[in-house]
């Protein structure tokens, strides 16, 4: 099962690489898939956690704003970044559950 899953992941990666290469040939002939991936690897998705007064937590999932080189690659490929995701509010963890998770992680 693990070998089949690994082969599937490798095949999907190959398909994405070929698809990106073909798209680059049409829209940006001087770029390689590796160069595009290296450039766009600077775009990060992160969660900003802000504690609220009532013990809950406001989670703001955000991606970093693209630098000029990111914007150039995105523009050449005809891609747009999606809108920033909406914020979420997480309820506080129950102390008993938190202790239970700690105990399991120590084992």
C-alpha atoms as a PDB file:
ATOM      1  CA  UNK A   1       0.000   0.000   0.000  1.00  0.00           C
ATOM      2  CA  UNK A   2       2.783   2.467   0.894  1.00  0.00           C
ATOM      3  CA  UNK A   3       4.665   1.698  -2.312  1.00  0.00           C
ATOM      4  CA  UNK A   4       1.535   2.284  -4.400  1.00  0.00           C
ATOM      5  CA  UNK A   5       0.907   5.569  -2.591  1.00  0.00           C
ATOM      6  CA  UNK A   6       4.505   6.643  -3.199  1.00  0.00           C
ATOM      7  CA  UNK A   7       4.217   5.824  -6.911  1.00  0.00           C
ATOM      8  CA  UNK A   8       0.981   7.812  -7.099  1.00  0.00           C
ATOM      9  CA  UNK A   9       2.585  10.857  -5.453  1.00  0.00           C
ATOM     10  CA  UNK A  10       5.584  10.642  -7.804  1.00  0.00           C
ATOM     11  CA  UNK A  11       3.290  10.350 -10.827  1.00  0.00           C
ATOM     12  CA  UNK A  12       1.228  13.364  -9.721  1.00  0.00           C
ATOM     13  CA  UNK A  13       4.416  15.400  -9.197  1.00  0.00           C
ATOM     14  CA  UNK A  14       5.587  14.435 -12.675  1.00  0.00           C
ATOM     15  CA  UNK A  15       2.212  15.425 -14.173  1.00  0.00           C
ATOM     16  CA  UNK A  16       2.342  18.808 -12.446  1.00  0.00           C
ATOM     17  CA  UNK A  17       5.902  19.362 -13.652  1.00  0.00           C
ATOM     18  CA  UNK A  18       4.999  18.564 -17.269  1.00  0.00           C
ATOM     19  CA  UNK A  19       1.879  20.747 -17.079  1.00  0.00           C
ATOM     20  CA  UNK A  20       3.895  23.658 -15.684  1.00  0.00           C
ATOM     21  CA  UNK A  21       6.586  23.184 -18.351  1.00  0.00           C
ATOM     22  CA  UNK A  22       3.963  23.280 -21.130  1.00  0.00           C
ATOM     23  CA  UNK A  23       2.336  26.382 -19.638  1.00  0.00           C
ATOM     24  CA  UNK A  24       5.735  28.072 -19.407  1.00  0.00           C
ATOM     25  CA  UNK A  25       6.492  27.259 -23.054  1.00  0.00           C
ATOM     26  CA  UNK A  26       3.299  29.083 -24.038  1.00  0.00           C
ATOM     27  CA  UNK A  27       3.479  32.075 -21.667  1.00  0.00           C
ATOM     28  CA  UNK A  28       7.104  32.516 -20.537  1.00  0.00           C
ATOM     29  CA  UNK A  29       9.521  30.571 -22.755  1.00  0.00           C
ATOM     30  CA  UNK A  30      12.651  31.655 -20.854  1.00  0.00           C
ATOM     31  CA  UNK A  31      11.541  30.180 -17.521  1.00  0.00           C
ATOM     32  CA  UNK A  32      11.973  26.640 -16.266  1.00  0.00           C
ATOM     33  CA  UNK A  33       9.647  24.865 -13.833  1.00  0.00           C
ATOM     34  CA  UNK A  34      12.448  24.742 -11.250  1.00  0.00           C
ATOM     35  CA  UNK A  35      13.043  28.508 -11.517  1.00  0.00           C
ATOM     36  CA  UNK A  36       9.322  29.208 -11.088  1.00  0.00           C
ATOM     37  CA  UNK A  37       9.067  26.942  -8.043  1.00  0.00           C
ATOM     38  CA  UNK A  38      12.170  28.515  -6.480  1.00  0.00           C
ATOM     39  CA  UNK A  39      10.809  32.008  -7.080  1.00  0.00           C
ATOM     40  CA  UNK A  40       7.321  31.274  -5.780  1.00  0.00           C
ATOM     41  CA  UNK A  41       8.657  29.367  -2.748  1.00  0.00           C
ATOM     42  CA  UNK A  42       9.095  32.771  -1.119  1.00  0.00           C
ATOM     43  CA  UNK A  43       5.311  33.131  -0.869  1.00  0.00           C
ATOM     44  CA  UNK A  44       4.327  31.781   2.525  1.00  0.00           C
ATOM     45  CA  UNK A  45       1.021  30.891   4.141  1.00  0.00           C
ATOM     46  CA  UNK A  46       0.929  31.478   7.881  1.00  0.00           C
ATOM     47  CA  UNK A  47      -1.532  31.720  10.746  1.00  0.00           C
ATOM     48  CA  UNK A  48      -1.525  34.795  12.975  1.00  0.00           C
ATOM     49  CA  UNK A  49      -2.890  33.890  16.438  1.00  0.00           C
ATOM     50  CA  UNK A  50      -4.346  36.701  18.539  1.00  0.00           C
ATOM     51  CA  UNK A  51      -5.653  35.947  22.033  1.00  0.00           C
ATOM     52  CA  UNK A  52      -9.033  37.444  22.914  1.00  0.00           C
ATOM     53  CA  UNK A  53     -10.085  38.745  26.320  1.00  0.00           C
ATOM     54  CA  UNK A  54     -12.558  35.885  26.864  1.00  0.00           C
ATOM     55  CA  UNK A  55      -9.896  33.171  26.397  1.00  0.00           C
ATOM     56  CA  UNK A  56     -10.726  32.392  22.799  1.00  0.00           C
ATOM     57  CA  UNK A  57      -8.229  32.894  20.006  1.00  0.00           C
ATOM     58  CA  UNK A  58      -8.585  34.768  16.732  1.00  0.00           C
ATOM     59  CA  UNK A  59      -6.745  32.965  13.922  1.00  0.00           C
ATOM     60  CA  UNK A  60      -5.963  34.944  10.789  1.00  0.00           C
ATOM     61  CA  UNK A  61      -4.669  32.697   7.999  1.00  0.00           C
ATOM     62  CA  UNK A  62      -2.579  34.912   5.718  1.00  0.00           C
ATOM     63  CA  UNK A  63      -0.161  34.561   2.850  1.00  0.00           C
ATOM     64  CA  UNK A  64       2.712  36.974   2.475  1.00  0.00           C
ATOM     65  CA  UNK A  65       2.382  39.793  -0.030  1.00  0.00           C
ATOM     66  CA  UNK A  66       4.198  38.977  -3.267  1.00  0.00           C
ATOM     67  CA  UNK A  67       7.473  40.726  -4.035  1.00  0.00           C
ATOM     68  CA  UNK A  68       7.981  42.209  -7.524  1.00  0.00           C
ATOM     69  CA  UNK A  69       9.630  39.002  -8.826  1.00  0.00           C
ATOM     70  CA  UNK A  70       6.675  36.960  -7.544  1.00  0.00           C
ATOM     71  CA  UNK A  71       4.216  39.302  -9.220  1.00  0.00           C
ATOM     72  CA  UNK A  72       6.138  39.095 -12.504  1.00  0.00           C
ATOM     73  CA  UNK A  73       6.000  35.276 -12.579  1.00  0.00           C
ATOM     74  CA  UNK A  74       2.320  35.242 -11.579  1.00  0.00           C
ATOM     75  CA  UNK A  75       1.520  37.806 -14.272  1.00  0.00           C
ATOM     76  CA  UNK A  76       3.432  35.887 -16.967  1.00  0.00           C
ATOM     77  CA  UNK A  77       1.527  32.703 -16.138  1.00  0.00           C
ATOM     78  CA  UNK A  78      -1.819  34.499 -15.910  1.00  0.00           C
ATOM     79  CA  UNK A  79      -2.289  33.478 -12.280  1.00  0.00           C
ATOM     80  CA  UNK A  80      -3.802  35.526  -9.460  1.00  0.00           C
ATOM     81  CA  UNK A  81      -3.493  34.904  -5.765  1.00  0.00           C
ATOM     82  CA  UNK A  82      -6.823  34.199  -4.088  1.00  0.00           C
ATOM     83  CA  UNK A  83      -8.309  36.619  -1.598  1.00  0.00           C
ATOM     84  CA  UNK A  84      -7.021  36.326   1.953  1.00  0.00           C
ATOM     85  CA  UNK A  85      -9.004  33.628   3.824  1.00  0.00           C
ATOM     86  CA  UNK A  86     -11.522  34.815   6.432  1.00  0.00           C
ATOM     87  CA  UNK A  87     -10.534  34.836  10.114  1.00  0.00           C
ATOM     88  CA  UNK A  88     -11.562  32.025  12.452  1.00  0.00           C
ATOM     89  CA  UNK A  89     -12.244  32.078  16.180  1.00  0.00           C
ATOM     90  CA  UNK A  90     -11.059  29.072  18.168  1.00  0.00           C
ATOM     91  CA  UNK A  91     -12.537  28.272  21.531  1.00  0.00           C
ATOM     92  CA  UNK A  92     -10.151  27.785  24.439  1.00  0.00           C
ATOM     93  CA  UNK A  93      -8.820  24.283  25.044  1.00  0.00           C
ATOM     94  CA  UNK A  94     -10.280  22.484  28.007  1.00  0.00           C
ATOM     95  CA  UNK A  95      -7.439  21.972  30.550  1.00  0.00           C
ATOM     96  CA  UNK A  96      -8.218  18.251  30.942  1.00  0.00           C
ATOM     97  CA  UNK A  97      -7.909  17.704  27.188  1.00  0.00           C
ATOM     98  CA  UNK A  98      -4.691  19.678  27.044  1.00  0.00           C
ATOM     99  CA  UNK A  99      -3.182  17.569  29.839  1.00  0.00           C
ATOM    100  CA  UNK A 100      -4.339  14.405  28.107  1.00  0.00           C
ATOM    101  CA  UNK A 101      -2.587  15.495  24.894  1.00  0.00           C
ATOM    102  CA  UNK A 102       0.595  16.288  26.859  1.00  0.00           C
ATOM    103  CA  UNK A 103       0.579  12.858  28.444  1.00  0.00           C
ATOM    104  CA  UNK A 104       0.162  11.153  25.066  1.00  0.00           C
ATOM    105  CA  UNK A 105       2.958  13.207  23.499  1.00  0.00           C
ATOM    106  CA  UNK A 106       5.385  12.243  26.295  1.00  0.00           C
ATOM    107  CA  UNK A 107       4.745   8.553  25.666  1.00  0.00           C
END
